[in-house]
C-alpha cells in the first residue's frame, strides 16, 4: 500500500512538471480528475475539476506565478496556499469552503475573488496586513453577520463586494468608511434591516479625514434608506453634513422604507442648494450624483425627492401648524 501511494505521488509530480514547462497548453495534469491545466509564465488556471481538489498542486515555477484561477475545484481552503507567496490575483470562486482562517501570508495579493464559496465565517485576523489588496469579491456567500473590523488593516482597499451574502447584520461599519482609498461597497440583495449605528462623534472624526470629497466619494449600494443610515444629522454642523453628503454622493440608498419628514427635507434641500452654489461643479454634475435622487414616501404612497426644494414646498409649506408639528 505504501509503495502504491509513493508511486502515485511520483506520477502527480511528473504530470505537474510537464504542465509547468508547457506554454499555454491545456493538459489533464492531475490524475483521477477531469482537471484541465493552463500554465503560462506567470499564471496558472485550473478548470473542469468538478470539486475534486482538496488542495492546490505546486508547480515547479510556483515562485514566478502572480495569477491563479481555480473555479469550481476546491473542497476546502487550500493548505498549500502560502506556497504561492508572490500571487497578486487569486480567484477561487465557486469552490466549497465554509471557513476562511488565514490569508495573511499572501503579502503581494491585490485581487481576491472568493465569491460563491458557501462561506459562513471569516476569522477576524484572516486578512491582516494585506496592504496591497485592492479588490475583494465575497458575493454570494452565507455570512449573515459580519464584523467590518475584518477589513480595518486593508489600507489600499478600493472595492468590496458583499452582495447576495444573506447579510442581516453589519457591525463596526465606520471602520470601512475610514479606509481612505475605498470607493465602492456593494451591499445589494441582502437582508439588512439596519447598519450598525454610527455615533455623532464618529461621524465628526470621519469628516475630519475626508478631503476632496467630490473626487474621493464613496459609492455604497444598499437596501437601507439614507435617513436610516445617517440618522443623527441634527447633532452635526451643516459644514460637516455637507462633507458627509459629498462623500456619499455616489451612493444608492433604498427609497422604499423612508417616510418623508419635513425637517429632514428642509435641511437637505438647503444643504443641496449651498453645495451647488459653493461648488465649482456644474449643476448637471451634481444632479447626476445618485444620492441627490434619494426619495422618501408620503402616506398616499407618492414619493418625493429629499433634496428638492419644490417637493419640500409642495409637501410641507401648505400644511397647518398642527400638522407640521406631527411631521417633525
Foldseek 3Di string as FASTA:
>chain_A
DVVVVVVLVVQLQVLLAVQQPDAQDWDPRHPPFPWTWGYHQAEIEIDRRQQVDQADDQHPNLQRHAYYAYANHHQADHPCVLSNQNHAAYHHDNHEYQEQEADCSNQNHAYEEHANHQHAYYDLCRPANNQNHAYYAHDQYAPQEDEVNSCLRNLRHAEYEHDNRQHAEYHPCLSVLQNQRYAEYEHYHYNYPAYHADDPVSLVVSLVVDDPLQVRAHEYEHAAAPCRRVVPCVVDDLVSVLSVCSNHQQYAYHAPPAADFLVQLVSQLVSLVVCQVPDPDHPVVSCPRNLQQRWYAYPVRDIDGSNDPVSSCVPAVVDDPVVNVVRD
